[in-house]
């Protein structure tokens, strides 16, 4: 079954004191978090999209969002457009975390523990220190990159990639996302009022 982007109807759009407030009516609410998200002609790259940072009000399937910047809107009130959640719940939780939960690290390739699937393909993961191999095999220095958990930028030893990032457990953030969401505290301004039940 082909995935279809959720849609919603634009009910209201206004800008006051450099804050944009957007109200949408959903036929069916997507799973949380509803923010941060994007709304508009998402599949058409040159068309207008509205960024949505925070849910500030919800009455049934009518949801009002705030965006902490002034935006222009060429979308039509009453029309239906695509709605795209930007992050899963674990990513929002990460963006809302505190700087002391992260440590800066330079990426170094490490051994990968790999396994052969029945179809002949190989799957692997970073090998933990002292881990038993079991029915797998070691690929020396096979774990050669990570991705920023919020923007998917590659972090590796390659010249063209970021060489360091911030680590919390096994999650990595690039310098840009760490500064934008963690250091600035902006991540704490994003998200939903509460979980949707």
N, C-alpha and C. Protein backbone atom coordinates (compact mmCIF):
# COMPACT_ATOMS: atom_id res chain seq x y z
N UNK A 1 0.84 -1.18 0.00
CA UNK A 1 0.00 0.00 0.00
C UNK A 1 0.89 1.24 0.00
N UNK A 2 0.62 2.15 -0.89
CA UNK A 2 1.41 3.36 -1.03
C UNK A 2 1.07 4.36 0.08
N UNK A 3 2.13 4.94 0.67
CA UNK A 3 1.94 5.94 1.73
C UNK A 3 1.39 7.23 1.12
N UNK A 4 0.40 7.80 1.77
CA UNK A 4 -0.14 9.09 1.35
C UNK A 4 0.05 10.09 2.47
N UNK A 5 0.58 11.27 2.10
CA UNK A 5 0.80 12.34 3.06
C UNK A 5 -0.53 12.76 3.68
N UNK A 6 -0.60 12.95 5.01
CA UNK A 6 -1.83 13.47 5.60
C UNK A 6 -2.15 14.85 5.01
N UNK A 7 -3.41 15.21 5.01
CA UNK A 7 -3.82 16.53 4.52
C UNK A 7 -4.64 17.24 5.58
N UNK A 8 -4.71 18.55 5.44
CA UNK A 8 -5.57 19.34 6.33
C UNK A 8 -5.99 20.60 5.59
N UNK A 9 -7.03 21.23 6.11
CA UNK A 9 -7.59 22.43 5.48
C UNK A 9 -7.09 23.65 6.23
N UNK A 10 -6.65 24.66 5.49
CA UNK A 10 -6.20 25.91 6.09
C UNK A 10 -7.42 26.72 6.52
N UNK A 11 -7.55 26.98 7.82
CA UNK A 11 -8.69 27.70 8.37
C UNK A 11 -8.35 29.17 8.61
N UNK A 12 -7.12 29.42 9.12
CA UNK A 12 -6.73 30.80 9.42
C UNK A 12 -5.21 30.93 9.37
N UNK A 13 -4.74 32.13 9.02
CA UNK A 13 -3.30 32.43 8.97
C UNK A 13 -3.13 33.90 9.32
N UNK A 14 -2.33 34.18 10.34
CA UNK A 14 -2.10 35.58 10.72
C UNK A 14 -0.71 35.74 11.31
N UNK A 15 -0.14 36.93 11.13
CA UNK A 15 1.18 37.25 11.66
C UNK A 15 1.04 38.45 12.59
N UNK A 16 1.53 38.27 13.84
CA UNK A 16 1.50 39.35 14.83
C UNK A 16 2.82 39.36 15.58
N UNK A 17 3.47 40.52 15.63
CA UNK A 17 4.72 40.66 16.39
C UNK A 17 5.74 39.58 16.05
N UNK A 18 5.94 39.32 14.76
CA UNK A 18 6.94 38.36 14.27
C UNK A 18 6.63 36.91 14.64
N UNK A 19 5.40 36.62 15.02
CA UNK A 19 4.95 35.25 15.29
C UNK A 19 3.82 34.93 14.33
N UNK A 20 3.92 33.79 13.67
CA UNK A 20 2.88 33.35 12.74
C UNK A 20 1.97 32.36 13.44
N UNK A 21 0.67 32.55 13.31
CA UNK A 21 -0.31 31.63 13.89
C UNK A 21 -1.11 31.03 12.74
N UNK A 22 -1.13 29.70 12.68
CA UNK A 22 -1.79 28.98 11.60
C UNK A 22 -2.79 27.99 12.20
N UNK A 23 -4.02 27.98 11.70
CA UNK A 23 -5.04 27.04 12.19
C UNK A 23 -5.42 26.10 11.04
N UNK A 24 -5.40 24.80 11.35
CA UNK A 24 -5.71 23.76 10.37
C UNK A 24 -6.83 22.87 10.88
N UNK A 25 -7.65 22.37 9.94
CA UNK A 25 -8.68 21.37 10.26
C UNK A 25 -8.27 20.05 9.61
N UNK A 26 -8.11 19.02 10.43
CA UNK A 26 -7.75 17.68 9.95
C UNK A 26 -8.98 16.81 9.84
N UNK A 27 -9.04 15.98 8.82
CA UNK A 27 -10.09 14.96 8.75
C UNK A 27 -9.79 13.92 9.82
N UNK A 28 -8.50 13.54 9.91
CA UNK A 28 -8.04 12.60 10.93
C UNK A 28 -6.68 13.10 11.41
N UNK A 29 -6.53 13.24 12.73
CA UNK A 29 -5.27 13.73 13.27
C UNK A 29 -4.16 12.71 13.06
N UNK A 30 -3.01 13.12 12.53
CA UNK A 30 -1.86 12.22 12.44
C UNK A 30 -1.36 11.89 13.84
N UNK A 31 -0.51 10.88 13.94
CA UNK A 31 0.06 10.54 15.24
C UNK A 31 1.01 11.65 15.69
N UNK A 32 1.15 11.85 17.00
CA UNK A 32 2.01 12.92 17.49
C UNK A 32 3.49 12.58 17.31
N UNK A 33 4.35 13.58 17.33
CA UNK A 33 4.06 14.98 17.55
C UNK A 33 3.58 15.66 16.27
N UNK A 34 2.63 16.58 16.41
CA UNK A 34 2.14 17.35 15.27
C UNK A 34 3.09 18.48 14.91
N UNK A 35 3.97 18.83 15.83
CA UNK A 35 4.96 19.89 15.57
C UNK A 35 6.30 19.45 16.15
N UNK A 36 7.38 19.84 15.49
CA UNK A 36 7.45 20.68 14.31
C UNK A 36 6.97 19.95 13.07
N UNK A 37 6.46 20.73 12.13
CA UNK A 37 5.91 20.15 10.91
C UNK A 37 5.93 21.19 9.80
N UNK A 38 5.45 20.77 8.63
CA UNK A 38 5.39 21.64 7.47
C UNK A 38 4.04 21.43 6.80
N UNK A 39 3.50 22.49 6.22
CA UNK A 39 2.16 22.44 5.63
C UNK A 39 2.17 23.21 4.32
N UNK A 40 1.58 22.63 3.30
CA UNK A 40 1.50 23.32 2.01
C UNK A 40 1.62 22.36 0.85
N UNK A 41 2.13 22.86 -0.28
CA UNK A 41 2.35 22.04 -1.47
C UNK A 41 3.72 21.35 -1.34
N UNK A 42 3.80 20.43 -0.41
CA UNK A 42 5.08 19.84 -0.01
C UNK A 42 5.74 19.08 -1.15
N UNK A 43 4.97 18.44 -1.99
CA UNK A 43 5.56 17.65 -3.08
C UNK A 43 6.02 18.49 -4.25
N UNK A 44 5.69 19.78 -4.25
CA UNK A 44 6.12 20.69 -5.31
C UNK A 44 7.20 21.61 -4.75
N UNK A 45 8.49 21.36 -5.12
CA UNK A 45 9.61 22.03 -4.46
C UNK A 45 9.62 23.55 -4.52
N UNK A 46 9.01 24.16 -5.52
CA UNK A 46 9.04 25.62 -5.62
C UNK A 46 7.79 26.29 -5.07
N UNK A 47 6.96 25.53 -4.40
CA UNK A 47 5.71 26.07 -3.87
C UNK A 47 5.87 26.46 -2.40
N UNK A 48 4.94 27.24 -1.91
CA UNK A 48 4.97 27.74 -0.54
C UNK A 48 4.68 26.64 0.46
N UNK A 49 5.50 26.62 1.51
CA UNK A 49 5.25 25.76 2.66
C UNK A 49 5.25 26.65 3.90
N UNK A 50 4.41 26.32 4.85
CA UNK A 50 4.38 27.02 6.13
C UNK A 50 5.06 26.14 7.16
N UNK A 51 6.03 26.69 7.88
CA UNK A 51 6.66 25.96 8.97
C UNK A 51 5.76 26.09 10.19
N UNK A 52 5.62 25.01 10.94
CA UNK A 52 4.80 24.99 12.15
C UNK A 52 5.67 24.52 13.31
N UNK A 53 5.88 25.36 14.32
CA UNK A 53 6.79 25.03 15.41
C UNK A 53 6.13 24.39 16.62
N UNK A 54 4.98 24.93 17.04
CA UNK A 54 4.39 24.53 18.32
C UNK A 54 2.87 24.50 18.23
N UNK A 55 2.26 23.45 18.78
CA UNK A 55 0.80 23.41 18.92
C UNK A 55 0.45 24.25 20.14
N UNK A 56 -0.43 25.23 19.95
CA UNK A 56 -0.82 26.08 21.09
C UNK A 56 -2.29 25.89 21.50
N UNK A 57 -3.08 25.26 20.61
CA UNK A 57 -4.49 25.05 20.93
C UNK A 57 -5.02 23.91 20.08
N UNK A 58 -5.90 23.10 20.67
CA UNK A 58 -6.51 22.01 19.92
C UNK A 58 -7.93 21.79 20.41
N UNK A 59 -8.87 21.84 19.48
CA UNK A 59 -10.28 21.53 19.77
C UNK A 59 -10.72 20.49 18.77
N UNK A 60 -10.81 19.24 19.20
CA UNK A 60 -11.14 18.16 18.28
C UNK A 60 -10.07 18.06 17.20
N UNK A 61 -10.51 18.17 15.94
CA UNK A 61 -9.58 18.06 14.81
C UNK A 61 -9.10 19.42 14.30
N UNK A 62 -9.40 20.48 15.03
CA UNK A 62 -8.91 21.82 14.66
C UNK A 62 -7.73 22.16 15.56
N UNK A 63 -6.59 22.41 14.92
CA UNK A 63 -5.34 22.62 15.65
C UNK A 63 -4.73 23.96 15.24
N UNK A 64 -4.31 24.74 16.24
CA UNK A 64 -3.64 26.02 16.00
C UNK A 64 -2.17 25.89 16.37
N UNK A 65 -1.33 26.36 15.46
CA UNK A 65 0.13 26.29 15.63
C UNK A 65 0.70 27.69 15.70
N UNK A 66 1.84 27.83 16.39
CA UNK A 66 2.64 29.04 16.32
C UNK A 66 3.97 28.72 15.67
N UNK A 67 4.46 29.71 14.94
CA UNK A 67 5.79 29.65 14.34
C UNK A 67 6.51 30.92 14.76
N UNK A 68 7.72 30.77 15.28
CA UNK A 68 8.41 31.89 15.90
C UNK A 68 9.23 32.68 14.89
N UNK A 69 8.55 33.07 13.83
CA UNK A 69 9.08 33.97 12.81
C UNK A 69 7.91 34.40 11.94
N UNK A 70 8.02 35.55 11.33
CA UNK A 70 6.98 36.00 10.41
C UNK A 70 7.13 35.22 9.10
N UNK A 71 6.02 34.75 8.57
CA UNK A 71 6.03 34.02 7.31
C UNK A 71 5.01 34.66 6.37
N UNK A 72 5.27 34.51 5.08
CA UNK A 72 4.26 34.94 4.11
C UNK A 72 3.48 33.70 3.69
N UNK A 73 2.29 33.90 3.18
CA UNK A 73 1.44 32.77 2.81
C UNK A 73 0.70 33.07 1.51
N UNK A 74 0.94 32.24 0.50
CA UNK A 74 0.17 32.35 -0.73
C UNK A 74 -0.86 31.22 -0.84
N UNK A 75 -0.96 30.42 0.23
CA UNK A 75 -1.97 29.36 0.27
C UNK A 75 -3.34 29.98 0.52
N UNK A 76 -4.37 29.32 0.04
CA UNK A 76 -5.73 29.86 0.10
C UNK A 76 -6.49 29.33 1.32
N UNK A 77 -7.08 30.24 2.09
CA UNK A 77 -7.94 29.85 3.20
C UNK A 77 -9.07 28.98 2.66
N UNK A 78 -9.35 27.87 3.33
CA UNK A 78 -10.42 26.96 2.92
C UNK A 78 -9.94 25.83 2.03
N UNK A 79 -8.71 25.94 1.51
CA UNK A 79 -8.17 24.89 0.64
C UNK A 79 -7.44 23.83 1.47
N UNK A 80 -7.31 22.64 0.90
CA UNK A 80 -6.65 21.52 1.56
C UNK A 80 -5.27 21.31 0.96
N UNK A 81 -4.28 21.11 1.86
CA UNK A 81 -2.89 20.93 1.45
C UNK A 81 -2.26 19.78 2.26
N UNK A 82 -1.04 19.43 1.90
CA UNK A 82 -0.32 18.36 2.58
C UNK A 82 0.23 18.82 3.93
N UNK A 83 0.26 17.89 4.86
CA UNK A 83 0.81 18.13 6.20
C UNK A 83 1.89 17.08 6.45
N UNK A 84 3.08 17.53 6.87
CA UNK A 84 4.19 16.61 7.09
C UNK A 84 4.83 16.84 8.45
N UNK A 85 4.74 15.82 9.30
CA UNK A 85 5.49 15.86 10.57
C UNK A 85 6.97 15.78 10.24
N UNK A 86 7.78 16.54 10.95
CA UNK A 86 9.21 16.53 10.66
C UNK A 86 9.97 15.51 11.50
N UNK A 87 9.50 15.23 12.71
CA UNK A 87 10.24 14.33 13.61
C UNK A 87 9.32 13.32 14.26
N UNK A 88 9.94 12.20 14.63
CA UNK A 88 9.28 11.20 15.47
C UNK A 88 9.36 11.68 16.93
N UNK A 89 8.60 11.07 17.83
CA UNK A 89 8.63 11.50 19.23
C UNK A 89 10.04 11.49 19.84
N UNK A 90 10.85 10.49 19.53
CA UNK A 90 12.20 10.43 20.11
C UNK A 90 13.08 11.57 19.62
N UNK A 91 12.84 12.06 18.40
CA UNK A 91 13.63 13.18 17.89
C UNK A 91 13.23 14.48 18.59
N UNK A 92 11.93 14.67 18.81
CA UNK A 92 11.47 15.86 19.54
C UNK A 92 12.04 15.85 20.96
N UNK A 93 12.01 14.70 21.60
CA UNK A 93 12.57 14.59 22.96
C UNK A 93 14.05 14.96 22.96
N UNK A 94 14.76 14.54 21.93
CA UNK A 94 16.18 14.87 21.80
C UNK A 94 16.37 16.38 21.65
N UNK A 95 15.58 17.01 20.80
CA UNK A 95 15.70 18.45 20.56
C UNK A 95 15.38 19.25 21.81
N UNK A 96 14.57 18.69 22.71
CA UNK A 96 14.18 19.38 23.94
C UNK A 96 15.13 19.11 25.10
N UNK A 97 16.18 18.35 24.86
CA UNK A 97 17.10 17.97 25.94
C UNK A 97 18.03 19.12 26.33
N UNK A 98 18.78 18.91 27.40
CA UNK A 98 19.69 19.93 27.95
C UNK A 98 21.12 19.71 27.47
N UNK A 99 21.91 20.77 27.37
CA UNK A 99 23.30 20.64 26.89
C UNK A 99 24.13 19.65 27.70
N UNK A 100 23.92 19.57 29.02
CA UNK A 100 24.74 18.67 29.84
C UNK A 100 24.49 17.19 29.54
N UNK A 101 23.47 16.88 28.77
CA UNK A 101 23.20 15.49 28.39
C UNK A 101 24.04 15.05 27.18
N UNK A 102 24.79 15.98 26.60
CA UNK A 102 25.56 15.71 25.39
C UNK A 102 27.05 15.91 25.63
N UNK A 103 27.86 15.17 24.89
CA UNK A 103 29.31 15.37 24.92
C UNK A 103 29.82 15.43 23.48
N UNK A 104 30.79 16.30 23.27
CA UNK A 104 31.35 16.45 21.92
C UNK A 104 32.34 15.32 21.67
N UNK A 105 32.26 14.74 20.47
CA UNK A 105 33.18 13.66 20.09
C UNK A 105 33.60 13.82 18.64
N UNK A 106 34.84 13.42 18.36
CA UNK A 106 35.31 13.32 16.98
C UNK A 106 35.02 11.91 16.53
N UNK A 107 34.46 11.78 15.35
CA UNK A 107 34.09 10.45 14.86
C UNK A 107 35.32 9.67 14.46
N UNK A 108 35.36 8.40 14.88
CA UNK A 108 36.42 7.45 14.47
C UNK A 108 35.72 6.18 14.01
N UNK A 109 36.10 5.69 12.84
CA UNK A 109 35.53 4.43 12.35
C UNK A 109 35.83 3.32 13.35
N UNK A 110 34.91 2.40 13.50
CA UNK A 110 35.09 1.28 14.43
C UNK A 110 34.61 -0.01 13.77
N UNK A 111 34.91 -1.10 14.43
CA UNK A 111 34.53 -2.40 13.88
C UNK A 111 33.01 -2.55 13.86
N UNK A 112 32.54 -3.28 12.85
CA UNK A 112 31.11 -3.54 12.70
C UNK A 112 30.88 -5.03 12.88
N UNK A 113 29.84 -5.38 13.63
CA UNK A 113 29.41 -6.76 13.76
C UNK A 113 28.33 -6.99 12.71
N UNK A 114 28.61 -7.89 11.76
CA UNK A 114 27.71 -8.09 10.63
C UNK A 114 27.12 -9.50 10.65
N UNK A 115 25.97 -9.63 10.01
CA UNK A 115 25.26 -10.91 9.93
C UNK A 115 24.75 -11.10 8.51
N UNK A 116 24.82 -12.31 8.03
CA UNK A 116 24.28 -12.65 6.71
C UNK A 116 22.81 -13.02 6.85
N UNK A 117 21.98 -12.43 6.00
CA UNK A 117 20.58 -12.80 5.93
C UNK A 117 20.41 -14.01 5.03
N UNK A 118 19.25 -14.65 5.10
CA UNK A 118 18.98 -15.83 4.27
C UNK A 118 19.04 -15.52 2.78
N UNK A 119 18.71 -14.27 2.42
CA UNK A 119 18.73 -13.89 1.00
C UNK A 119 20.13 -13.50 0.51
N UNK A 120 21.14 -13.62 1.40
CA UNK A 120 22.52 -13.31 1.00
C UNK A 120 22.95 -11.89 1.31
N UNK A 121 22.00 -11.02 1.68
CA UNK A 121 22.36 -9.65 2.04
C UNK A 121 23.01 -9.63 3.43
N UNK A 122 23.67 -8.52 3.73
CA UNK A 122 24.36 -8.38 5.01
C UNK A 122 23.77 -7.20 5.77
N UNK A 123 23.60 -7.38 7.07
CA UNK A 123 23.17 -6.30 7.95
C UNK A 123 24.17 -6.21 9.09
N UNK A 124 24.42 -4.99 9.57
CA UNK A 124 25.41 -4.86 10.62
C UNK A 124 25.12 -3.70 11.55
N UNK A 125 25.89 -3.65 12.62
CA UNK A 125 25.79 -2.56 13.60
C UNK A 125 27.15 -2.36 14.23
N UNK A 126 27.30 -1.22 14.87
CA UNK A 126 28.55 -0.92 15.56
C UNK A 126 28.78 -1.97 16.63
N UNK A 127 29.98 -2.47 16.69
CA UNK A 127 30.31 -3.52 17.65
C UNK A 127 30.69 -2.89 18.98
N UNK A 128 30.15 -3.43 20.07
CA UNK A 128 30.48 -2.96 21.41
C UNK A 128 31.79 -3.60 21.86
N UNK A 129 32.52 -2.89 22.69
CA UNK A 129 33.79 -3.42 23.23
C UNK A 129 33.54 -4.74 23.95
N UNK A 130 34.33 -5.76 23.61
CA UNK A 130 34.25 -7.05 24.28
C UNK A 130 33.04 -7.88 23.91
N UNK A 131 32.28 -7.47 22.92
CA UNK A 131 31.06 -8.18 22.54
C UNK A 131 31.38 -9.52 21.89
N UNK A 132 30.61 -10.55 22.23
CA UNK A 132 30.77 -11.87 21.61
C UNK A 132 30.25 -11.81 20.18
N UNK A 133 30.93 -12.51 19.29
CA UNK A 133 30.58 -12.48 17.87
C UNK A 133 29.34 -13.31 17.57
N UNK A 134 29.15 -14.42 18.29
CA UNK A 134 28.01 -15.29 18.03
C UNK A 134 28.06 -15.81 16.60
N UNK A 135 26.94 -15.73 15.87
CA UNK A 135 26.91 -16.22 14.49
C UNK A 135 27.19 -15.11 13.49
N UNK A 136 27.73 -14.00 13.96
CA UNK A 136 28.09 -12.90 13.08
C UNK A 136 29.55 -12.94 12.69
N UNK A 137 30.01 -11.88 12.04
CA UNK A 137 31.42 -11.74 11.70
C UNK A 137 31.81 -10.27 11.79
N UNK A 138 33.08 -10.03 12.02
CA UNK A 138 33.57 -8.67 12.22
C UNK A 138 34.03 -8.07 10.90
N UNK A 139 33.62 -6.85 10.64
CA UNK A 139 34.12 -6.08 9.50
C UNK A 139 35.00 -4.98 10.11
N UNK A 140 36.35 -5.12 10.02
CA UNK A 140 37.22 -4.12 10.63
C UNK A 140 36.95 -2.72 10.06
N UNK A 141 36.77 -1.76 10.97
CA UNK A 141 36.49 -0.36 10.62
C UNK A 141 35.28 -0.22 9.69
N UNK A 142 34.36 -1.20 9.77
CA UNK A 142 33.19 -1.20 8.90
C UNK A 142 32.11 -0.21 9.29
N UNK A 143 32.14 0.26 10.56
CA UNK A 143 31.19 1.28 10.99
C UNK A 143 31.85 2.63 10.73
N UNK A 144 31.66 3.16 9.49
CA UNK A 144 32.47 4.28 9.04
C UNK A 144 31.75 5.61 9.01
N UNK A 145 30.51 5.68 9.51
CA UNK A 145 29.83 6.98 9.61
C UNK A 145 28.64 6.89 10.55
N UNK A 146 28.17 8.05 10.96
CA UNK A 146 26.92 8.22 11.70
C UNK A 146 26.13 9.30 10.99
N UNK A 147 24.88 9.49 11.41
CA UNK A 147 24.06 10.58 10.87
C UNK A 147 23.52 11.41 12.01
N UNK A 148 23.40 12.70 11.78
CA UNK A 148 22.73 13.56 12.74
C UNK A 148 21.29 13.07 12.88
N UNK A 149 20.84 12.90 14.09
CA UNK A 149 19.50 12.34 14.34
C UNK A 149 18.37 13.30 13.99
N UNK A 150 18.68 14.59 13.75
CA UNK A 150 17.63 15.55 13.42
C UNK A 150 17.63 15.96 11.96
N UNK A 151 18.80 16.10 11.34
CA UNK A 151 18.82 16.56 9.94
C UNK A 151 19.44 15.54 8.99
N UNK A 152 19.99 14.45 9.52
CA UNK A 152 20.56 13.32 8.77
C UNK A 152 21.90 13.65 8.09
N UNK A 153 22.52 14.79 8.44
CA UNK A 153 23.85 15.11 7.92
C UNK A 153 24.81 14.00 8.31
N UNK A 154 25.73 13.64 7.39
CA UNK A 154 26.69 12.56 7.65
C UNK A 154 27.86 13.07 8.47
N UNK A 155 28.23 12.28 9.47
CA UNK A 155 29.37 12.56 10.34
C UNK A 155 30.34 11.39 10.18
N UNK A 156 31.54 11.67 9.67
CA UNK A 156 32.51 10.61 9.40
C UNK A 156 33.91 11.18 9.36
N UNK A 157 34.88 10.33 8.99
CA UNK A 157 36.26 10.78 8.83
C UNK A 157 36.53 11.31 7.43
N UNK A 158 35.57 11.18 6.52
CA UNK A 158 35.76 11.65 5.16
C UNK A 158 35.84 13.17 5.11
N UNK A 159 36.68 13.68 4.23
CA UNK A 159 36.91 15.13 4.14
C UNK A 159 35.64 15.91 3.88
N UNK A 160 34.73 15.35 3.07
CA UNK A 160 33.52 16.07 2.67
C UNK A 160 32.44 16.10 3.76
N UNK A 161 32.62 15.32 4.84
CA UNK A 161 31.60 15.21 5.89
C UNK A 161 32.01 15.99 7.13
N UNK A 162 31.05 16.15 8.04
CA UNK A 162 31.35 16.67 9.38
C UNK A 162 32.26 15.65 10.06
N UNK A 163 33.22 16.12 10.86
CA UNK A 163 34.15 15.20 11.52
C UNK A 163 33.84 15.00 12.99
N UNK A 164 32.99 15.85 13.55
CA UNK A 164 32.65 15.71 14.95
C UNK A 164 31.17 16.03 15.14
N UNK A 165 30.68 15.68 16.30
CA UNK A 165 29.30 15.96 16.64
C UNK A 165 29.11 15.81 18.12
N UNK A 166 27.87 15.83 18.55
CA UNK A 166 27.54 15.69 19.96
C UNK A 166 26.79 14.37 20.15
N UNK A 167 27.18 13.65 21.20
CA UNK A 167 26.69 12.28 21.41
C UNK A 167 25.92 12.19 22.72
N UNK A 168 24.79 11.49 22.67
CA UNK A 168 23.98 11.16 23.84
C UNK A 168 23.57 9.71 23.64
N UNK A 169 24.11 8.81 24.46
CA UNK A 169 23.96 7.37 24.25
C UNK A 169 24.48 7.04 22.86
N UNK A 170 23.65 6.50 21.98
CA UNK A 170 24.12 6.18 20.63
C UNK A 170 23.68 7.21 19.60
N UNK A 171 23.03 8.29 20.03
CA UNK A 171 22.53 9.30 19.11
C UNK A 171 23.57 10.39 18.89
N UNK A 172 23.64 10.87 17.65
CA UNK A 172 24.56 11.94 17.28
C UNK A 172 23.77 13.15 16.79
N UNK A 173 24.30 14.34 17.07
CA UNK A 173 23.81 15.59 16.50
C UNK A 173 24.98 16.29 15.83
N UNK A 174 24.74 16.91 14.68
CA UNK A 174 25.76 17.72 14.05
C UNK A 174 25.89 19.03 14.82
N UNK A 175 26.96 19.77 14.56
CA UNK A 175 27.19 21.04 15.26
C UNK A 175 26.03 22.01 15.03
N UNK A 176 25.54 22.08 13.79
CA UNK A 176 24.47 23.03 13.47
C UNK A 176 23.20 22.74 14.26
N UNK A 177 22.78 21.47 14.32
CA UNK A 177 21.56 21.12 15.06
C UNK A 177 21.75 21.29 16.56
N UNK A 178 22.94 20.96 17.05
CA UNK A 178 23.22 21.14 18.47
C UNK A 178 23.08 22.61 18.85
N UNK A 179 23.68 23.50 18.04
CA UNK A 179 23.59 24.93 18.31
C UNK A 179 22.16 25.44 18.16
N UNK A 180 21.47 25.00 17.11
CA UNK A 180 20.13 25.50 16.78
C UNK A 180 19.08 25.09 17.81
N UNK A 181 19.16 23.83 18.28
CA UNK A 181 18.11 23.33 19.15
C UNK A 181 18.52 23.19 20.62
N UNK A 182 19.74 22.77 20.90
CA UNK A 182 20.14 22.47 22.27
C UNK A 182 20.73 23.70 22.97
N UNK A 183 21.83 24.24 22.42
CA UNK A 183 22.49 25.38 23.06
C UNK A 183 21.56 26.57 23.18
N UNK A 184 20.81 26.85 22.14
CA UNK A 184 19.92 28.02 22.12
C UNK A 184 18.67 27.83 22.97
N UNK A 185 18.31 26.58 23.26
CA UNK A 185 17.07 26.29 23.98
C UNK A 185 15.84 26.31 23.08
N UNK A 186 16.05 26.54 21.77
CA UNK A 186 14.91 26.62 20.84
C UNK A 186 14.14 25.31 20.77
N UNK A 187 14.83 24.18 20.94
CA UNK A 187 14.15 22.88 20.90
C UNK A 187 13.04 22.77 21.92
N UNK A 188 13.20 23.45 23.06
CA UNK A 188 12.18 23.39 24.12
C UNK A 188 10.91 24.16 23.74
N UNK A 189 10.99 25.01 22.72
CA UNK A 189 9.81 25.77 22.27
C UNK A 189 8.98 24.98 21.25
N UNK A 190 9.48 23.83 20.81
CA UNK A 190 8.82 23.06 19.77
C UNK A 190 7.93 21.98 20.38
N UNK A 191 6.97 21.48 19.59
CA UNK A 191 6.21 20.32 20.01
C UNK A 191 4.72 20.55 20.19
N UNK A 192 4.10 19.61 20.89
CA UNK A 192 2.66 19.58 21.08
C UNK A 192 2.28 20.07 22.47
N UNK A 193 1.01 20.36 22.65
CA UNK A 193 0.50 20.69 23.97
C UNK A 193 0.64 19.50 24.90
N UNK A 194 0.17 18.37 24.45
CA UNK A 194 0.21 17.12 25.19
C UNK A 194 -0.05 15.99 24.21
N UNK A 195 0.18 14.75 24.60
CA UNK A 195 -0.06 13.65 23.67
C UNK A 195 -1.53 13.59 23.24
N UNK A 196 -1.75 13.22 22.00
CA UNK A 196 -3.11 13.06 21.49
C UNK A 196 -3.58 11.65 21.81
N UNK A 197 -4.76 11.54 22.40
CA UNK A 197 -5.29 10.22 22.76
C UNK A 197 -6.46 9.84 21.88
